[in-house]
Amino acid sequence: SGYSTIRDSVKGRFTLSRDNAKNT
């Protein structure tokens, strides 16, 4: 549904995205 959970050591530096149409 688009909710992200990020490990503390990378929070603020790493982000996520997905493209379901391309299965990536």
PDB file of all heavy atoms in Angstrom:
ATOM      1  N   SER A   1       0.809  -1.218   0.000  1.00  0.00           N
ATOM      2  CA  SER A   1       0.000   0.000   0.000  1.00  0.00           C
ATOM      3  C   SER A   1       0.840   1.264   0.000  1.00  0.00           C
ATOM      4  O   SER A   1       0.297   2.369   0.021  1.00  0.00           O
ATOM      5  CB  SER A   1      -0.921   0.004   1.216  1.00  0.00           C
ATOM      6  OG  SER A   1      -0.170  -0.061   2.409  1.00  0.00           O
ATOM      7  N   GLY A   2       2.189   1.109   0.009  1.00  0.00           N
ATOM      8  CA  GLY A   2       3.055   2.266  -0.104  1.00  0.00           C
ATOM      9  C   GLY A   2       3.638   2.781   1.200  1.00  0.00           C
ATOM     10  O   GLY A   2       4.308   3.820   1.210  1.00  0.00           O
ATOM     11  N   TYR A   3       3.426   2.071   2.281  1.00  0.00           N
ATOM     12  CA  TYR A   3       3.979   2.494   3.565  1.00  0.00           C
ATOM     13  C   TYR A   3       5.389   1.950   3.704  1.00  0.00           C
ATOM     14  O   TYR A   3       5.634   0.773   3.463  1.00  0.00           O
ATOM     15  CB  TYR A   3       3.102   1.979   4.703  1.00  0.00           C
ATOM     16  CG  TYR A   3       3.552   2.411   6.063  1.00  0.00           C
ATOM     17  CD1 TYR A   3       3.280   3.693   6.537  1.00  0.00           C
ATOM     18  CD2 TYR A   3       4.262   1.547   6.889  1.00  0.00           C
ATOM     19  CE1 TYR A   3       3.702   4.093   7.794  1.00  0.00           C
ATOM     20  CE2 TYR A   3       4.688   1.929   8.140  1.00  0.00           C
ATOM     21  CZ  TYR A   3       4.409   3.197   8.597  1.00  0.00           C
ATOM     22  OH  TYR A   3       4.834   3.584   9.839  1.00  0.00           O
ATOM     23  N   SER A   4       6.321   2.816   4.109  1.00  0.00           N
ATOM     24  CA  SER A   4       7.714   2.390   4.208  1.00  0.00           C
ATOM     25  C   SER A   4       8.191   2.309   5.658  1.00  0.00           C
ATOM     26  O   SER A   4       7.754   3.092   6.508  1.00  0.00           O
ATOM     27  CB  SER A   4       8.625   3.323   3.421  1.00  0.00           C
ATOM     28  OG  SER A   4       8.592   4.623   3.951  1.00  0.00           O
ATOM     29  N   THR A   5       9.061   1.373   5.894  1.00  0.00           N
ATOM     30  CA  THR A   5       9.747   1.205   7.173  1.00  0.00           C
ATOM     31  C   THR A   5      11.238   1.157   6.880  1.00  0.00           C
ATOM     32  O   THR A   5      11.678   0.361   6.055  1.00  0.00           O
ATOM     33  CB  THR A   5       9.322  -0.111   7.854  1.00  0.00           C
ATOM     34  OG1 THR A   5       7.905  -0.139   7.998  1.00  0.00           O
ATOM     35  CG2 THR A   5       9.972  -0.241   9.224  1.00  0.00           C
ATOM     36  N   ILE A   6      11.996   2.029   7.540  1.00  0.00           N
ATOM     37  CA  ILE A   6      13.415   2.184   7.236  1.00  0.00           C
ATOM     38  C   ILE A   6      14.232   1.927   8.502  1.00  0.00           C
ATOM     39  O   ILE A   6      13.913   2.455   9.575  1.00  0.00           O
ATOM     40  CB  ILE A   6      13.737   3.603   6.725  1.00  0.00           C
ATOM     41  CG1 ILE A   6      12.790   4.022   5.605  1.00  0.00           C
ATOM     42  CG2 ILE A   6      15.201   3.685   6.279  1.00  0.00           C
ATOM     43  CD1 ILE A   6      13.014   3.345   4.288  1.00  0.00           C
ATOM     44  N   ARG A   7      15.306   1.176   8.353  1.00  0.00           N
ATOM     45  CA  ARG A   7      16.211   0.913   9.481  1.00  0.00           C
ATOM     46  C   ARG A   7      16.825   2.228   9.955  1.00  0.00           C
ATOM     47  O   ARG A   7      17.157   3.107   9.148  1.00  0.00           O
ATOM     48  CB  ARG A   7      17.306  -0.026   9.002  1.00  0.00           C
ATOM     49  CG  ARG A   7      18.296  -0.478  10.037  1.00  0.00           C
ATOM     50  CD  ARG A   7      19.385  -1.337   9.415  1.00  0.00           C
ATOM     51  NE  ARG A   7      20.262  -1.900  10.439  1.00  0.00           N
ATOM     52  CZ  ARG A   7      20.061  -3.079  10.995  1.00  0.00           C
ATOM     53  NH1 ARG A   7      19.039  -3.823  10.615  1.00  0.00           N
ATOM     54  NH2 ARG A   7      20.878  -3.536  11.930  1.00  0.00           N
ATOM     55  N   ASP A   8      16.989   2.384  11.264  1.00  0.00           N
ATOM     56  CA  ASP A   8      17.467   3.658  11.824  1.00  0.00           C
ATOM     57  C   ASP A   8      18.802   4.096  11.231  1.00  0.00           C
ATOM     58  O   ASP A   8      19.023   5.294  11.011  1.00  0.00           O
ATOM     59  CB  ASP A   8      17.594   3.546  13.343  1.00  0.00           C
ATOM     60  CG  ASP A   8      16.258   3.617  14.048  1.00  0.00           C
ATOM     61  OD1 ASP A   8      15.261   3.981  13.392  1.00  0.00           O
ATOM     62  OD2 ASP A   8      16.203   3.310  15.250  1.00  0.00           O
ATOM     63  N   SER A   9      19.696   3.156  10.976  1.00  0.00           N
ATOM     64  CA  SER A   9      21.040   3.520  10.524  1.00  0.00           C
ATOM     65  C   SER A   9      21.056   4.129   9.121  1.00  0.00           C
ATOM     66  O   SER A   9      22.038   4.756   8.729  1.00  0.00           O
ATOM     67  CB  SER A   9      21.963   2.311  10.569  1.00  0.00           C
ATOM     68  OG  SER A   9      21.508   1.289   9.714  1.00  0.00           O
ATOM     69  N   VAL A  10      19.985   3.968   8.380  1.00  0.00           N
ATOM     70  CA  VAL A  10      19.935   4.536   7.029  1.00  0.00           C
ATOM     71  C   VAL A  10      18.777   5.497   6.855  1.00  0.00           C
ATOM     72  O   VAL A  10      18.587   6.057   5.767  1.00  0.00           O
ATOM     73  CB  VAL A  10      19.875   3.422   5.954  1.00  0.00           C
ATOM     74  CG1 VAL A  10      21.053   2.472   6.088  1.00  0.00           C
ATOM     75  CG2 VAL A  10      18.563   2.673   6.015  1.00  0.00           C
ATOM     76  N   LYS A  11      18.013   5.698   7.899  1.00  0.00           N
ATOM     77  CA  LYS A  11      16.864   6.596   7.822  1.00  0.00           C
ATOM     78  C   LYS A  11      17.336   8.016   7.489  1.00  0.00           C
ATOM     79  O   LYS A  11      18.314   8.507   8.029  1.00  0.00           O
ATOM     80  CB  LYS A  11      16.107   6.572   9.155  1.00  0.00           C
ATOM     81  CG  LYS A  11      14.726   7.185   9.100  1.00  0.00           C
ATOM     82  CD  LYS A  11      13.987   6.944  10.400  1.00  0.00           C
ATOM     83  CE  LYS A  11      13.649   5.489  10.595  1.00  0.00           C
ATOM     84  NZ  LYS A  11      12.833   5.254  11.819  1.00  0.00           N
ATOM     85  N   GLY A  12      16.614   8.654   6.583  1.00  0.00           N
ATOM     86  CA  GLY A  12      17.003   9.991   6.153  1.00  0.00           C
ATOM     87  C   GLY A  12      17.979   9.990   4.985  1.00  0.00           C
ATOM     88  O   GLY A  12      18.210  11.027   4.367  1.00  0.00           O
ATOM     89  N   ARG A  13      18.548   8.831   4.690  1.00  0.00           N
ATOM     90  CA  ARG A  13      19.496   8.725   3.564  1.00  0.00           C
ATOM     91  C   ARG A  13      18.979   7.786   2.467  1.00  0.00           C
ATOM     92  O   ARG A  13      19.274   7.995   1.286  1.00  0.00           O
ATOM     93  CB  ARG A  13      20.846   8.188   4.066  1.00  0.00           C
ATOM     94  CG  ARG A  13      21.493   9.066   5.115  1.00  0.00           C
ATOM     95  CD  ARG A  13      22.922   8.625   5.415  1.00  0.00           C
ATOM     96  NE  ARG A  13      22.979   7.292   6.008  1.00  0.00           N
ATOM     97  CZ  ARG A  13      23.630   6.262   5.479  1.00  0.00           C
ATOM     98  NH1 ARG A  13      24.284   6.399   4.325  1.00  0.00           N
ATOM     99  NH2 ARG A  13      23.668   5.080   6.098  1.00  0.00           N
ATOM    100  N   PHE A  14      18.243   6.784   2.840  1.00  0.00           N
ATOM    101  CA  PHE A  14      17.725   5.792   1.897  1.00  0.00           C
ATOM    102  C   PHE A  14      16.211   5.933   1.768  1.00  0.00           C
ATOM    103  O   PHE A  14      15.514   6.147   2.777  1.00  0.00           O
ATOM    104  CB  PHE A  14      18.028   4.373   2.371  1.00  0.00           C
ATOM    105  CG  PHE A  14      19.476   3.952   2.349  1.00  0.00           C
ATOM    106  CD1 PHE A  14      20.497   4.859   2.132  1.00  0.00           C
ATOM    107  CD2 PHE A  14      19.805   2.627   2.539  1.00  0.00           C
ATOM    108  CE1 PHE A  14      21.830   4.467   2.120  1.00  0.00           C
ATOM    109  CE2 PHE A  14      21.136   2.202   2.538  1.00  0.00           C
ATOM    110  CZ  PHE A  14      22.144   3.121   2.328  1.00  0.00           C
ATOM    111  N   THR A  15      15.724   5.828   0.560  1.00  0.00           N
ATOM    112  CA  THR A  15      14.285   5.804   0.323  1.00  0.00           C
ATOM    113  C   THR A  15      13.944   4.669  -0.637  1.00  0.00           C
ATOM    114  O   THR A  15      14.844   4.100  -1.281  1.00  0.00           O
ATOM    115  CB  THR A  15      13.784   7.138  -0.252  1.00  0.00           C
ATOM    116  OG1 THR A  15      14.486   7.406  -1.483  1.00  0.00           O
ATOM    117  CG2 THR A  15      14.004   8.286   0.708  1.00  0.00           C
ATOM    118  N   LEU A  16      12.661   4.384  -0.724  1.00  0.00           N
ATOM    119  CA  LEU A  16      12.185   3.249  -1.513  1.00  0.00           C
ATOM    120  C   LEU A  16      11.180   3.708  -2.547  1.00  0.00           C
ATOM    121  O   LEU A  16      10.464   4.697  -2.348  1.00  0.00           O
ATOM    122  CB  LEU A  16      11.508   2.228  -0.594  1.00  0.00           C
ATOM    123  CG  LEU A  16      12.334   1.670   0.545  1.00  0.00           C
ATOM    124  CD1 LEU A  16      11.440   0.953   1.539  1.00  0.00           C
ATOM    125  CD2 LEU A  16      13.382   0.731   0.007  1.00  0.00           C
ATOM    126  N   SER A  17      11.117   2.962  -3.631  1.00  0.00           N
ATOM    127  CA  SER A  17      10.043   3.168  -4.590  1.00  0.00           C
ATOM    128  C   SER A  17       9.773   1.840  -5.297  1.00  0.00           C
ATOM    129  O   SER A  17      10.608   0.934  -5.271  1.00  0.00           O
ATOM    130  CB  SER A  17      10.396   4.262  -5.598  1.00  0.00           C
ATOM    131  OG  SER A  17      11.487   3.871  -6.415  1.00  0.00           O
ATOM    132  N   ARG A  18       8.630   1.753  -5.894  1.00  0.00           N
ATOM    133  CA  ARG A  18       8.295   0.557  -6.649  1.00  0.00           C
ATOM    134  C   ARG A  18       7.515   0.936  -7.893  1.00  0.00           C
ATOM    135  O   ARG A  18       6.814   1.955  -7.893  1.00  0.00           O
ATOM    136  CB  ARG A  18       7.525  -0.445  -5.792  1.00  0.00           C
ATOM    137  CG  ARG A  18       6.169   0.028  -5.311  1.00  0.00           C
ATOM    138  CD  ARG A  18       5.629  -0.860  -4.183  1.00  0.00           C
ATOM    139  NE  ARG A  18       5.425  -2.233  -4.609  1.00  0.00           N
ATOM    140  CZ  ARG A  18       5.244  -3.247  -3.772  1.00  0.00           C
ATOM    141  NH1 ARG A  18       5.248  -3.060  -2.471  1.00  0.00           N
ATOM    142  NH2 ARG A  18       5.052  -4.472  -4.235  1.00  0.00           N
ATOM    143  N   ASP A  19       7.651   0.148  -8.930  1.00  0.00           N
ATOM    144  CA  ASP A  19       6.903   0.330 -10.160  1.00  0.00           C
ATOM    145  C   ASP A  19       6.232  -1.006 -10.443  1.00  0.00           C
ATOM    146  O   ASP A  19       6.825  -1.899 -11.057  1.00  0.00           O
ATOM    147  CB  ASP A  19       7.833   0.748 -11.300  1.00  0.00           C
ATOM    148  CG  ASP A  19       7.087   1.084 -12.576  1.00  0.00           C
ATOM    149  OD1 ASP A  19       5.929   0.632 -12.740  1.00  0.00           O
ATOM    150  OD2 ASP A  19       7.653   1.790 -13.424  1.00  0.00           O
ATOM    151  N   ASN A  20       5.007  -1.133 -10.000  1.00  0.00           N
ATOM    152  CA  ASN A  20       4.322  -2.431 -10.141  1.00  0.00           C
ATOM    153  C   ASN A  20       4.084  -2.784 -11.607  1.00  0.00           C
ATOM    154  O   ASN A  20       4.064  -3.961 -11.962  1.00  0.00           O
ATOM    155  CB  ASN A  20       3.009  -2.409  -9.374  1.00  0.00           C
ATOM    156  CG  ASN A  20       3.217  -2.412  -7.861  1.00  0.00           C
ATOM    157  OD1 ASN A  20       4.214  -2.923  -7.372  1.00  0.00           O
ATOM    158  ND2 ASN A  20       2.272  -1.828  -7.139  1.00  0.00           N
ATOM    159  N   ALA A  21       3.931  -1.797 -12.446  1.00  0.00           N
ATOM    160  CA  ALA A  21       3.714  -2.070 -13.869  1.00  0.00           C
ATOM    161  C   ALA A  21       4.931  -2.747 -14.495  1.00  0.00           C
ATOM    162  O   ALA A  21       4.797  -3.552 -15.417  1.00  0.00           O
ATOM    163  CB  ALA A  21       3.388  -0.784 -14.607  1.00  0.00           C
ATOM    164  N   LYS A  22       6.116  -2.403 -13.979  1.00  0.00           N
ATOM    165  CA  LYS A  22       7.350  -2.993 -14.495  1.00  0.00           C
ATOM    166  C   LYS A  22       7.875  -4.103 -13.591  1.00  0.00           C
ATOM    167  O   LYS A  22       8.922  -4.683 -13.858  1.00  0.00           O
ATOM    168  CB  LYS A  22       8.429  -1.918 -14.654  1.00  0.00           C
ATOM    169  CG  LYS A  22       8.089  -0.858 -15.690  1.00  0.00           C
ATOM    170  CD  LYS A  22       9.216   0.150 -15.831  1.00  0.00           C
ATOM    171  CE  LYS A  22       8.878   1.184 -16.904  1.00  0.00           C
ATOM    172  NZ  LYS A  22       9.942   2.202 -17.047  1.00  0.00           N
ATOM    173  N   ASN A  23       7.129  -4.387 -12.528  1.00  0.00           N
ATOM    174  CA  ASN A  23       7.533  -5.421 -11.572  1.00  0.00           C
ATOM    175  C   ASN A  23       8.928  -5.163 -10.996  1.00  0.00           C
ATOM    176  O   ASN A  23       9.752  -6.062 -10.847  1.00  0.00           O
ATOM    177  CB  ASN A  23       7.499  -6.809 -12.227  1.00  0.00           C
ATOM    178  CG  ASN A  23       6.786  -7.841 -11.356  1.00  0.00           C
ATOM    179  OD1 ASN A  23       5.896  -7.508 -10.585  1.00  0.00           O
ATOM    180  ND2 ASN A  23       7.175  -9.093 -11.499  1.00  0.00           N
ATOM    181  N   THR A  24       9.178  -3.890 -10.671  1.00  0.00           N
ATOM    182  CA  THR A  24      10.481  -3.501 -10.138  1.00  0.00           C
ATOM    183  C   THR A  24      10.329  -2.769  -8.818  1.00  0.00           C
ATOM    184  O   THR A  24       9.269  -2.209  -8.502  1.00  0.00           O
ATOM    185  CB  THR A  24      11.249  -2.605 -11.126  1.00  0.00           C
ATOM    186  OG1 THR A  24      10.446  -1.458 -11.431  1.00  0.00           O
ATOM    187  CG2 THR A  24      11.579  -3.344 -12.404  1.00  0.00           C
TER     188      THR A  24
END
